[in-house]
C-alpha atoms as a PDB file:
ATOM      1  CA  MET A   1      24.791   2.325  33.046  1.00  0.00           C
ATOM      2  CA  LYS A   2      28.132   2.466  34.875  1.00  0.00           C
ATOM      3  CA  ARG A   3      28.760   0.920  38.281  1.00  0.00           C
ATOM      4  CA  THR A   4      30.534   3.089  40.866  1.00  0.00           C
ATOM      5  CA  THR A   5      31.687   2.119  44.337  1.00  0.00           C
ATOM      6  CA  ILE A   6      31.755   4.671  47.138  1.00  0.00           C
ATOM      7  CA  LYS A   7      32.778   4.469  50.774  1.00  0.00           C
ATOM      8  CA  LEU A   8      30.392   5.937  53.335  1.00  0.00           C
ATOM      9  CA  PRO A   9      30.710   6.362  57.083  1.00  0.00           C
ATOM     10  CA  ASP A  10      28.433   3.938  58.938  1.00  0.00           C
ATOM     11  CA  ALA A  11      26.120   6.705  60.136  1.00  0.00           C
ATOM     12  CA  LEU A  12      25.622   8.091  56.617  1.00  0.00           C
ATOM     13  CA  ASP A  13      25.049   4.603  55.218  1.00  0.00           C
ATOM     14  CA  GLY A  14      22.385   4.039  57.862  1.00  0.00           C
ATOM     15  CA  ARG A  15      20.659   7.314  57.025  1.00  0.00           C
ATOM     16  CA  LEU A  16      20.762   6.504  53.309  1.00  0.00           C
ATOM     17  CA  ARG A  17      19.269   3.048  53.856  1.00  0.00           C
ATOM     18  CA  HIS A  18      16.589   4.420  56.151  1.00  0.00           C
ATOM     19  CA  GLU A  19      15.579   7.106  53.625  1.00  0.00           C
ATOM     20  CA  ALA A  20      15.527   4.619  50.740  1.00  0.00           C
ATOM     21  CA  ALA A  21      13.257   2.317  52.748  1.00  0.00           C
ATOM     22  CA  ARG A  22      11.024   5.231  53.771  1.00  0.00           C
ATOM     23  CA  ARG A  23      10.600   6.232  50.123  1.00  0.00           C
ATOM     24  CA  GLY A  24      10.314   2.652  48.892  1.00  0.00           C
ATOM     25  CA  VAL A  25      13.212   3.016  46.435  1.00  0.00           C
ATOM     26  CA  SER A  26      16.552   1.269  46.016  1.00  0.00           C
ATOM     27  CA  LEU A  27      19.800   2.640  47.432  1.00  0.00           C
ATOM     28  CA  SER A  28      21.009   3.116  43.861  1.00  0.00           C
ATOM     29  CA  GLU A  29      17.947   5.112  42.858  1.00  0.00           C
ATOM     30  CA  LEU A  30      18.154   7.371  45.896  1.00  0.00           C
ATOM     31  CA  THR A  31      21.881   7.893  45.375  1.00  0.00           C
ATOM     32  CA  ARG A  32      21.365   8.766  41.686  1.00  0.00           C
ATOM     33  CA  GLU A  33      18.641  11.255  42.650  1.00  0.00           C
ATOM     34  CA  ALA A  34      20.893  12.883  45.260  1.00  0.00           C
ATOM     35  CA  ILE A  35      23.803  13.192  42.839  1.00  0.00           C
ATOM     36  CA  GLU A  36      21.534  14.578  40.118  1.00  0.00           C
ATOM     37  CA  ASP A  37      20.123  17.150  42.560  1.00  0.00           C
ATOM     38  CA  LEU A  38      23.643  18.133  43.597  1.00  0.00           C
ATOM     39  CA  LEU A  39      24.825  18.592  40.019  1.00  0.00           C
ATOM     40  CA  THR A  40      21.723  20.482  38.876  1.00  0.00           C
ATOM     41  CA  GLY A  41      21.293  22.533  42.020  1.00  0.00           C
ATOM     42  CA  GLY A  42      18.060  20.674  42.750  1.00  0.00           C
ATOM     43  CA  SER A  43      16.369  22.441  39.857  1.00  0.00           C
ATOM     44  CA  ASN A  44      14.833  19.261  38.424  1.00  0.00           C
ATOM     45  CA  ARG A  45      12.621  18.464  41.375  1.00  0.00           C
ATOM     46  CA  ARG A  46      10.648  20.330  43.985  1.00  0.00           C
ATOM     47  CA  ARG A  47      11.906  19.420  47.448  1.00  0.00           C
ATOM     48  CA  LEU A  48       9.302  18.659  50.060  1.00  0.00           C
ATOM     49  CA  GLY A  49      10.029  18.578  53.750  1.00  0.00           C
ATOM     50  CA  LYS A  50       8.547  16.345  56.388  1.00  0.00           C
ATOM     51  CA  PRO A  51       4.867  16.992  57.083  1.00  0.00           C
ATOM     52  CA  GLY A  52       4.474  19.479  59.918  1.00  0.00           C
ATOM     53  CA  ALA A  53       8.151  20.424  59.900  1.00  0.00           C
ATOM     54  CA  SER A  54       7.834  23.939  58.473  1.00  0.00           C
ATOM     55  CA  GLY A  55       7.920  25.619  61.854  1.00  0.00           C
ATOM     56  CA  ARG A  56       4.825  27.622  60.946  1.00  0.00           C
ATOM     57  CA  ALA A  57       1.541  27.091  62.754  1.00  0.00           C
ATOM     58  CA  ASP A  58      -0.579  29.173  60.354  1.00  0.00           C
ATOM     59  CA  ILE A  59      -0.096  27.215  57.125  1.00  0.00           C
ATOM     60  CA  SER A  60      -3.595  25.765  56.917  1.00  0.00           C
ATOM     61  CA  HIS A  61      -5.067  29.260  57.213  1.00  0.00           C
ATOM     62  CA  HIS A  62      -2.847  30.742  54.499  1.00  0.00           C
ATOM     63  CA  ILE A  63      -2.216  27.801  52.158  1.00  0.00           C
ATOM     64  CA  GLU A  64      -3.496  29.503  48.990  1.00  0.00           C
ATOM     65  CA  GLU A  65      -1.337  32.568  49.580  1.00  0.00           C
ATOM     66  CA  ILE A  66       1.722  30.442  50.396  1.00  0.00           C
ATOM     67  CA  LEU A  67       1.307  28.259  47.311  1.00  0.00           C
ATOM     68  CA  ARG A  68       0.793  31.303  45.076  1.00  0.00           C
ATOM     69  CA  SER A  69       3.995  32.896  46.384  1.00  0.00           C
ATOM     70  CA  GLU A  70       5.990  29.639  46.046  1.00  0.00           C
ATOM     71  CA  LEU A  71       4.824  29.047  42.479  1.00  0.00           C
ATOM     72  CA  ALA A  72       5.618  32.645  41.513  1.00  0.00           C
ATOM     73  CA  THR A  73       9.297  32.068  42.360  1.00  0.00           C
ATOM     74  CA  ARG A  74       9.649  29.178  39.891  1.00  0.00           C
END
């Protein structure tokens, strides 16, 4: 594996560290995942948002329909 050094603004570094800690992964692992997603258009992994952050209040009532429609687009 190759080592690469990058320079990040302080705010971005803080966000990266916070997200790595939240996920329980290393900075390197999170950075590799982000770069891989960028280069593959995110096609290798299903992105999940924060719980409750969809902006929709009716999800629990329509979960089967929503999942069916999401899976049909894959």
